[in-house]
Amino acid sequence: MNLILWRHAEAEDAAGRGGDLARPLTGRGQAQAERVAAWLAPRLPAKARIVASPALRCQETAAALGRTIATIAAIAPDAAPETLLGATGWPDGSETVVVIGHQPTLGQAAALAMGVAGASWQMKKGAVWWLKSGKGGTVRLHAVQSPDDL
């Protein structure tokens, strides 16, 4: 299984009337999302499943891929890493799943998937971490990409 964890790009600080879930990307964040999507899109299989938090900043980040997005409330801010991994079918699934979500959940999920339960790894805004599960429960980090490096 391929599990791609993508932290939403840079978002506005002020939530306004809609609260935290309504925070849009900044202009810089939109550019980050577009750069990462341009790197990621040609590497994804046509049937990759794209799932995103209901937060506007995640929806806008995911939209840069130009693919159908499934919104999953269970990966909203402050979701448990176990919930996120369960929603993707990790590690036993056979598909590629891209998850657009939040810190600290994404960093915790990456650590848990790599066998370091209880750790909270820091992911930069807009960054992608690509994990692959293999036979016998092996897991490897396939790629890490930051929008600042593209």
N, C-alpha and C. Protein backbone atom coordinates (compact mmCIF):
# COMPACT_ATOMS: atom_id res chain seq x y z
N MET A 1 0.84 -1.18 0.00
CA MET A 1 0.00 0.00 0.00
C MET A 1 0.88 1.24 0.00
N ASN A 2 0.45 2.23 -0.72
CA ASN A 2 1.10 3.54 -0.71
C ASN A 2 0.23 4.49 0.11
N LEU A 3 0.82 5.09 1.11
CA LEU A 3 0.13 6.09 1.94
C LEU A 3 0.89 7.39 1.81
N ILE A 4 0.23 8.39 1.27
CA ILE A 4 0.86 9.69 1.06
C ILE A 4 0.19 10.69 1.99
N LEU A 5 0.97 11.20 2.92
CA LEU A 5 0.48 12.16 3.90
C LEU A 5 0.90 13.55 3.43
N TRP A 6 -0.07 14.42 3.22
CA TRP A 6 0.19 15.76 2.69
C TRP A 6 -0.38 16.77 3.66
N ARG A 7 0.48 17.54 4.29
CA ARG A 7 0.01 18.58 5.20
C ARG A 7 -0.49 19.76 4.36
N HIS A 8 -1.62 20.31 4.77
CA HIS A 8 -2.16 21.46 4.04
C HIS A 8 -1.11 22.56 3.94
N ALA A 9 -1.22 23.34 2.90
CA ALA A 9 -0.28 24.45 2.67
C ALA A 9 -0.59 25.60 3.62
N GLU A 10 0.22 26.64 3.54
CA GLU A 10 0.09 27.79 4.44
C GLU A 10 -1.31 28.40 4.35
N ALA A 11 -1.91 28.64 5.51
CA ALA A 11 -3.28 29.18 5.58
C ALA A 11 -3.31 30.48 6.37
N GLU A 12 -4.38 31.23 6.18
CA GLU A 12 -4.60 32.46 6.94
C GLU A 12 -4.67 32.13 8.42
N ASP A 13 -4.20 33.06 9.26
CA ASP A 13 -4.25 32.87 10.70
C ASP A 13 -5.64 33.11 11.26
N ALA A 14 -6.26 34.18 10.85
CA ALA A 14 -7.57 34.56 11.39
C ALA A 14 -8.66 33.70 10.79
N ALA A 15 -9.49 33.14 11.64
CA ALA A 15 -10.55 32.26 11.18
C ALA A 15 -11.79 33.01 10.71
N GLY A 16 -12.00 34.24 11.19
CA GLY A 16 -13.20 34.99 10.79
C GLY A 16 -14.46 34.34 11.31
N ARG A 17 -15.55 34.57 10.60
CA ARG A 17 -16.85 34.07 11.06
C ARG A 17 -16.98 32.56 11.02
N GLY A 18 -16.25 31.90 10.16
CA GLY A 18 -16.41 30.46 9.99
C GLY A 18 -15.62 29.60 10.93
N GLY A 19 -14.79 30.19 11.78
CA GLY A 19 -13.99 29.41 12.70
C GLY A 19 -12.80 28.76 12.02
N ASP A 20 -12.13 27.88 12.74
CA ASP A 20 -10.90 27.26 12.27
C ASP A 20 -11.09 26.50 10.95
N LEU A 21 -12.19 25.83 10.78
CA LEU A 21 -12.41 25.05 9.57
C LEU A 21 -12.55 25.90 8.31
N ALA A 22 -12.81 27.19 8.47
CA ALA A 22 -13.03 28.08 7.33
C ALA A 22 -11.78 28.86 6.91
N ARG A 23 -10.62 28.56 7.49
CA ARG A 23 -9.39 29.29 7.15
C ARG A 23 -8.93 28.93 5.74
N PRO A 24 -8.84 29.90 4.82
CA PRO A 24 -8.38 29.62 3.46
C PRO A 24 -6.86 29.65 3.36
N LEU A 25 -6.34 29.16 2.25
CA LEU A 25 -4.91 29.26 1.98
C LEU A 25 -4.55 30.71 1.71
N THR A 26 -3.33 31.06 2.04
CA THR A 26 -2.78 32.35 1.64
C THR A 26 -2.36 32.25 0.17
N GLY A 27 -1.96 33.36 -0.42
CA GLY A 27 -1.42 33.31 -1.78
C GLY A 27 -0.19 32.42 -1.84
N ARG A 28 0.65 32.52 -0.83
CA ARG A 28 1.84 31.66 -0.75
C ARG A 28 1.42 30.19 -0.63
N GLY A 29 0.40 29.94 0.19
CA GLY A 29 -0.09 28.58 0.36
C GLY A 29 -0.64 27.99 -0.93
N GLN A 30 -1.35 28.80 -1.70
CA GLN A 30 -1.87 28.33 -2.98
C GLN A 30 -0.71 27.94 -3.90
N ALA A 31 0.34 28.75 -3.92
CA ALA A 31 1.52 28.44 -4.74
C ALA A 31 2.20 27.17 -4.25
N GLN A 32 2.27 26.98 -2.92
CA GLN A 32 2.86 25.75 -2.36
C GLN A 32 2.07 24.53 -2.83
N ALA A 33 0.75 24.61 -2.71
CA ALA A 33 -0.11 23.49 -3.10
C ALA A 33 0.07 23.16 -4.58
N GLU A 34 0.14 24.18 -5.41
CA GLU A 34 0.30 23.95 -6.84
C GLU A 34 1.64 23.31 -7.17
N ARG A 35 2.71 23.74 -6.49
CA ARG A 35 4.03 23.14 -6.74
C ARG A 35 4.06 21.67 -6.33
N VAL A 36 3.52 21.37 -5.16
CA VAL A 36 3.53 19.99 -4.69
C VAL A 36 2.62 19.13 -5.57
N ALA A 37 1.47 19.65 -5.94
CA ALA A 37 0.57 18.91 -6.83
C ALA A 37 1.23 18.61 -8.17
N ALA A 38 1.97 19.56 -8.70
CA ALA A 38 2.67 19.36 -9.98
C ALA A 38 3.72 18.25 -9.85
N TRP A 39 4.34 18.13 -8.69
CA TRP A 39 5.31 17.06 -8.45
C TRP A 39 4.61 15.73 -8.24
N LEU A 40 3.53 15.75 -7.47
CA LEU A 40 2.84 14.53 -7.07
C LEU A 40 1.99 13.91 -8.18
N ALA A 41 1.25 14.73 -8.90
CA ALA A 41 0.26 14.23 -9.88
C ALA A 41 0.82 13.20 -10.86
N PRO A 42 1.96 13.43 -11.49
CA PRO A 42 2.44 12.43 -12.46
C PRO A 42 2.94 11.14 -11.81
N ARG A 43 3.11 11.13 -10.51
CA ARG A 43 3.59 9.95 -9.79
C ARG A 43 2.46 9.11 -9.23
N LEU A 44 1.24 9.63 -9.29
CA LEU A 44 0.09 8.92 -8.73
C LEU A 44 -0.58 8.04 -9.78
N PRO A 45 -1.02 6.85 -9.36
CA PRO A 45 -1.81 6.05 -10.28
C PRO A 45 -3.16 6.73 -10.53
N ALA A 46 -3.76 6.45 -11.67
CA ALA A 46 -5.04 7.07 -12.03
C ALA A 46 -6.12 6.82 -10.99
N LYS A 47 -6.07 5.67 -10.33
CA LYS A 47 -7.11 5.31 -9.35
C LYS A 47 -6.73 5.61 -7.91
N ALA A 48 -5.75 6.46 -7.71
CA ALA A 48 -5.38 6.84 -6.34
C ALA A 48 -6.60 7.47 -5.66
N ARG A 49 -6.77 7.14 -4.39
CA ARG A 49 -7.87 7.72 -3.61
C ARG A 49 -7.35 8.95 -2.89
N ILE A 50 -8.06 10.07 -3.04
CA ILE A 50 -7.66 11.34 -2.43
C ILE A 50 -8.69 11.65 -1.34
N VAL A 51 -8.22 11.75 -0.10
CA VAL A 51 -9.11 12.05 1.02
C VAL A 51 -8.58 13.28 1.74
N ALA A 52 -9.50 14.12 2.19
CA ALA A 52 -9.10 15.37 2.84
C ALA A 52 -9.99 15.68 4.03
N SER A 53 -9.39 16.38 4.96
CA SER A 53 -10.12 16.94 6.09
C SER A 53 -11.17 17.91 5.54
N PRO A 54 -12.26 18.12 6.29
CA PRO A 54 -13.25 19.09 5.85
C PRO A 54 -12.78 20.55 5.96
N ALA A 55 -11.64 20.80 6.57
CA ALA A 55 -11.14 22.17 6.70
C ALA A 55 -10.88 22.76 5.32
N LEU A 56 -11.29 24.01 5.11
CA LEU A 56 -11.14 24.66 3.82
C LEU A 56 -9.69 24.63 3.33
N ARG A 57 -8.73 24.84 4.22
CA ARG A 57 -7.32 24.86 3.81
C ARG A 57 -6.88 23.50 3.25
N CYS A 58 -7.45 22.42 3.76
CA CYS A 58 -7.14 21.09 3.22
C CYS A 58 -7.85 20.87 1.89
N GLN A 59 -9.09 21.31 1.80
CA GLN A 59 -9.84 21.18 0.56
C GLN A 59 -9.14 21.95 -0.57
N GLU A 60 -8.67 23.16 -0.26
CA GLU A 60 -7.99 23.97 -1.27
C GLU A 60 -6.64 23.36 -1.66
N THR A 61 -5.93 22.79 -0.70
CA THR A 61 -4.67 22.11 -1.00
C THR A 61 -4.93 20.93 -1.92
N ALA A 62 -5.91 20.11 -1.58
CA ALA A 62 -6.25 18.92 -2.37
C ALA A 62 -6.72 19.30 -3.77
N ALA A 63 -7.44 20.39 -3.90
CA ALA A 63 -7.98 20.81 -5.20
C ALA A 63 -6.88 21.06 -6.22
N ALA A 64 -5.68 21.39 -5.75
CA ALA A 64 -4.57 21.63 -6.67
C ALA A 64 -4.23 20.40 -7.51
N LEU A 65 -4.62 19.21 -7.02
CA LEU A 65 -4.38 17.98 -7.78
C LEU A 65 -5.33 17.85 -8.97
N GLY A 66 -6.48 18.51 -8.90
CA GLY A 66 -7.44 18.42 -10.00
C GLY A 66 -8.11 17.07 -10.10
N ARG A 67 -8.26 16.37 -8.98
CA ARG A 67 -8.90 15.06 -8.95
C ARG A 67 -10.08 15.08 -7.99
N THR A 68 -10.88 14.05 -8.03
CA THR A 68 -12.00 13.91 -7.11
C THR A 68 -11.48 13.72 -5.69
N ILE A 69 -12.08 14.46 -4.77
CA ILE A 69 -11.66 14.42 -3.37
C ILE A 69 -12.81 13.89 -2.52
N ALA A 70 -12.50 12.96 -1.64
CA ALA A 70 -13.47 12.50 -0.65
C ALA A 70 -13.16 13.23 0.65
N THR A 71 -14.17 13.86 1.24
CA THR A 71 -14.00 14.58 2.50
C THR A 71 -14.33 13.61 3.63
N ILE A 72 -13.41 13.50 4.59
CA ILE A 72 -13.60 12.58 5.72
C ILE A 72 -13.51 13.37 7.02
N ALA A 73 -14.63 13.48 7.70
CA ALA A 73 -14.69 14.24 8.96
C ALA A 73 -13.75 13.66 10.01
N ALA A 74 -13.47 12.36 9.95
CA ALA A 74 -12.64 11.70 10.94
C ALA A 74 -11.18 12.16 10.89
N ILE A 75 -10.78 12.91 9.84
CA ILE A 75 -9.40 13.39 9.80
C ILE A 75 -9.34 14.92 9.94
N ALA A 76 -10.37 15.49 10.53
CA ALA A 76 -10.41 16.92 10.83
C ALA A 76 -9.31 17.25 11.84
N PRO A 77 -9.08 18.54 12.13
CA PRO A 77 -8.06 18.89 13.13
C PRO A 77 -8.26 18.13 14.43
N ASP A 78 -7.15 17.75 15.03
CA ASP A 78 -7.11 17.02 16.31
C ASP A 78 -7.60 15.59 16.23
N ALA A 79 -7.66 15.02 15.03
CA ALA A 79 -8.02 13.60 14.90
C ALA A 79 -6.92 12.74 15.51
N ALA A 80 -7.28 11.56 15.95
CA ALA A 80 -6.29 10.62 16.46
C ALA A 80 -5.55 9.98 15.29
N PRO A 81 -4.25 9.74 15.42
CA PRO A 81 -3.50 9.13 14.33
C PRO A 81 -4.04 7.74 13.96
N GLU A 82 -4.52 7.01 14.95
CA GLU A 82 -5.10 5.68 14.68
C GLU A 82 -6.34 5.80 13.81
N THR A 83 -7.13 6.85 14.04
CA THR A 83 -8.33 7.09 13.23
C THR A 83 -7.95 7.38 11.79
N LEU A 84 -6.95 8.23 11.61
CA LEU A 84 -6.50 8.55 10.26
C LEU A 84 -6.01 7.30 9.54
N LEU A 85 -5.17 6.52 10.18
CA LEU A 85 -4.66 5.31 9.53
C LEU A 85 -5.78 4.33 9.24
N GLY A 86 -6.74 4.20 10.15
CA GLY A 86 -7.88 3.31 9.92
C GLY A 86 -8.72 3.74 8.74
N ALA A 87 -8.88 5.04 8.56
CA ALA A 87 -9.68 5.56 7.44
C ALA A 87 -9.04 5.28 6.09
N THR A 88 -7.74 5.02 6.09
CA THR A 88 -7.02 4.78 4.83
C THR A 88 -6.87 3.30 4.51
N GLY A 89 -7.08 2.43 5.50
CA GLY A 89 -6.85 1.00 5.31
C GLY A 89 -5.41 0.58 5.55
N TRP A 90 -4.60 1.50 6.08
CA TRP A 90 -3.19 1.21 6.35
C TRP A 90 -3.06 0.13 7.40
N PRO A 91 -2.16 -0.80 7.24
CA PRO A 91 -1.17 -1.00 6.19
C PRO A 91 -1.57 -2.07 5.18
N ASP A 92 -2.77 -2.62 5.36
CA ASP A 92 -3.15 -3.80 4.59
C ASP A 92 -3.82 -3.53 3.25
N GLY A 93 -4.14 -2.29 2.97
CA GLY A 93 -4.79 -1.97 1.70
C GLY A 93 -3.86 -2.22 0.52
N SER A 94 -4.44 -2.21 -0.66
CA SER A 94 -3.63 -2.44 -1.85
C SER A 94 -3.57 -1.20 -2.75
N GLU A 95 -4.22 -0.14 -2.33
CA GLU A 95 -4.30 1.04 -3.18
C GLU A 95 -3.33 2.13 -2.73
N THR A 96 -3.32 3.20 -3.49
CA THR A 96 -2.59 4.41 -3.11
C THR A 96 -3.61 5.39 -2.55
N VAL A 97 -3.35 5.89 -1.35
CA VAL A 97 -4.24 6.84 -0.70
C VAL A 97 -3.44 8.09 -0.36
N VAL A 98 -3.96 9.23 -0.78
CA VAL A 98 -3.37 10.53 -0.44
C VAL A 98 -4.28 11.16 0.62
N VAL A 99 -3.70 11.51 1.75
CA VAL A 99 -4.44 12.13 2.85
C VAL A 99 -3.97 13.56 3.01
N ILE A 100 -4.88 14.51 2.88
CA ILE A 100 -4.53 15.92 3.10
C ILE A 100 -5.12 16.30 4.46
N GLY A 101 -4.24 16.60 5.41
CA GLY A 101 -4.69 16.83 6.77
C GLY A 101 -3.82 17.81 7.53
N HIS A 102 -3.74 17.57 8.84
CA HIS A 102 -3.22 18.55 9.80
C HIS A 102 -2.12 17.97 10.68
N GLN A 103 -1.33 18.88 11.22
CA GLN A 103 -0.43 18.59 12.32
C GLN A 103 -1.21 18.79 13.62
N PRO A 104 -0.96 18.06 14.66
CA PRO A 104 0.09 17.06 14.78
C PRO A 104 -0.30 15.67 14.29
N THR A 105 -1.56 15.51 13.86
CA THR A 105 -2.04 14.18 13.50
C THR A 105 -1.21 13.51 12.41
N LEU A 106 -0.85 14.24 11.35
CA LEU A 106 -0.08 13.63 10.28
C LEU A 106 1.28 13.13 10.76
N GLY A 107 1.98 13.93 11.55
CA GLY A 107 3.28 13.52 12.08
C GLY A 107 3.15 12.33 13.02
N GLN A 108 2.10 12.31 13.82
CA GLN A 108 1.86 11.18 14.71
C GLN A 108 1.52 9.92 13.92
N ALA A 109 0.72 10.08 12.86
CA ALA A 109 0.35 8.94 12.01
C ALA A 109 1.57 8.38 11.29
N ALA A 110 2.45 9.27 10.80
CA ALA A 110 3.68 8.82 10.13
C ALA A 110 4.54 8.02 11.10
N ALA A 111 4.71 8.54 12.31
CA ALA A 111 5.51 7.84 13.31
C ALA A 111 4.90 6.48 13.65
N LEU A 112 3.59 6.46 13.86
CA LEU A 112 2.91 5.21 14.20
C LEU A 112 3.05 4.20 13.06
N ALA A 113 2.87 4.65 11.83
CA ALA A 113 2.97 3.76 10.67
C ALA A 113 4.39 3.20 10.53
N MET A 114 5.38 3.98 10.96
CA MET A 114 6.77 3.55 10.87
C MET A 114 7.23 2.80 12.12
N GLY A 115 6.27 2.52 13.03
CA GLY A 115 6.57 1.70 14.19
C GLY A 115 7.06 2.45 15.41
N VAL A 116 6.84 3.76 15.46
CA VAL A 116 7.29 4.57 16.59
C VAL A 116 6.05 5.15 17.27
N ALA A 117 5.31 4.30 17.95
CA ALA A 117 4.07 4.72 18.61
C ALA A 117 4.37 5.79 19.65
N GLY A 118 3.50 6.79 19.71
CA GLY A 118 3.61 7.84 20.70
C GLY A 118 4.48 9.02 20.30
N ALA A 119 5.19 8.90 19.17
CA ALA A 119 6.03 10.00 18.71
C ALA A 119 5.18 10.99 17.91
N SER A 120 5.65 12.21 17.82
CA SER A 120 4.97 13.24 17.04
C SER A 120 6.00 13.93 16.17
N TRP A 121 6.12 13.47 14.93
CA TRP A 121 7.10 14.04 14.01
C TRP A 121 6.54 15.29 13.37
N GLN A 122 7.40 16.26 13.15
CA GLN A 122 7.00 17.55 12.59
C GLN A 122 7.02 17.51 11.07
N MET A 123 5.90 17.86 10.45
CA MET A 123 5.81 17.99 9.00
C MET A 123 5.65 19.46 8.66
N LYS A 124 6.41 19.94 7.70
CA LYS A 124 6.29 21.34 7.28
C LYS A 124 4.98 21.55 6.54
N LYS A 125 4.49 22.77 6.57
CA LYS A 125 3.27 23.09 5.83
C LYS A 125 3.49 22.83 4.34
N GLY A 126 2.55 22.13 3.74
CA GLY A 126 2.61 21.81 2.33
C GLY A 126 3.44 20.60 1.98
N ALA A 127 4.13 19.99 2.96
CA ALA A 127 5.02 18.86 2.68
C ALA A 127 4.26 17.56 2.48
N VAL A 128 4.89 16.65 1.74
CA VAL A 128 4.36 15.32 1.47
C VAL A 128 5.33 14.29 2.02
N TRP A 129 4.79 13.30 2.71
CA TRP A 129 5.56 12.13 3.15
C TRP A 129 4.89 10.91 2.53
N TRP A 130 5.65 10.11 1.79
CA TRP A 130 5.13 8.96 1.06
C TRP A 130 5.66 7.70 1.71
N LEU A 131 4.76 6.90 2.28
CA LEU A 131 5.11 5.65 2.95
C LEU A 131 4.63 4.47 2.11
N LYS A 132 5.39 3.38 2.13
CA LYS A 132 5.00 2.16 1.43
C LYS A 132 5.05 1.00 2.41
N SER A 133 3.97 0.22 2.44
CA SER A 133 3.97 -1.00 3.24
C SER A 133 4.28 -2.17 2.32
N GLY A 134 4.98 -3.15 2.86
CA GLY A 134 5.37 -4.30 2.06
C GLY A 134 5.06 -5.59 2.76
N LYS A 135 5.58 -6.64 2.20
CA LYS A 135 5.36 -7.98 2.74
C LYS A 135 5.97 -8.08 4.14
N GLY A 136 5.31 -8.87 4.97
CA GLY A 136 5.82 -9.11 6.30
C GLY A 136 5.75 -7.91 7.22
N GLY A 137 4.94 -6.92 6.87
CA GLY A 137 4.77 -5.76 7.73
C GLY A 137 5.88 -4.72 7.60
N THR A 138 6.72 -4.86 6.59
CA THR A 138 7.77 -3.86 6.42
C THR A 138 7.17 -2.54 5.94
N VAL A 139 7.77 -1.46 6.38
CA VAL A 139 7.34 -0.12 5.98
C VAL A 139 8.59 0.65 5.61
N ARG A 140 8.51 1.39 4.53
CA ARG A 140 9.64 2.24 4.18
C ARG A 140 9.15 3.62 3.78
N LEU A 141 10.00 4.58 4.04
CA LEU A 141 9.73 5.95 3.63
C LEU A 141 10.22 6.07 2.19
N HIS A 142 9.28 6.25 1.28
CA HIS A 142 9.59 6.27 -0.15
C HIS A 142 10.08 7.65 -0.59
N ALA A 143 9.44 8.71 -0.08
CA ALA A 143 9.82 10.07 -0.49
C ALA A 143 9.32 11.08 0.53
N VAL A 144 10.05 12.18 0.62
CA VAL A 144 9.61 13.35 1.38
C VAL A 144 9.86 14.54 0.47
N GLN A 145 8.85 15.36 0.32
CA GLN A 145 8.97 16.52 -0.57
C GLN A 145 8.39 17.74 0.12
N SER A 146 9.13 18.82 0.07
CA SER A 146 8.68 20.08 0.65
C SER A 146 8.42 21.08 -0.48
N PRO A 147 7.39 21.90 -0.36
CA PRO A 147 7.13 22.87 -1.43
C PRO A 147 8.27 23.86 -1.61
N ASP A 148 9.04 24.09 -0.57
CA ASP A 148 10.16 25.03 -0.65
C ASP A 148 11.30 24.50 -1.52
N ASP A 149 11.32 23.19 -1.75
CA ASP A 149 12.37 22.57 -2.55
C ASP A 149 11.97 22.36 -4.00
N LEU A 150 10.77 22.76 -4.35
CA LEU A 150 10.30 22.56 -5.73
C LEU A 150 10.34 23.85 -6.52
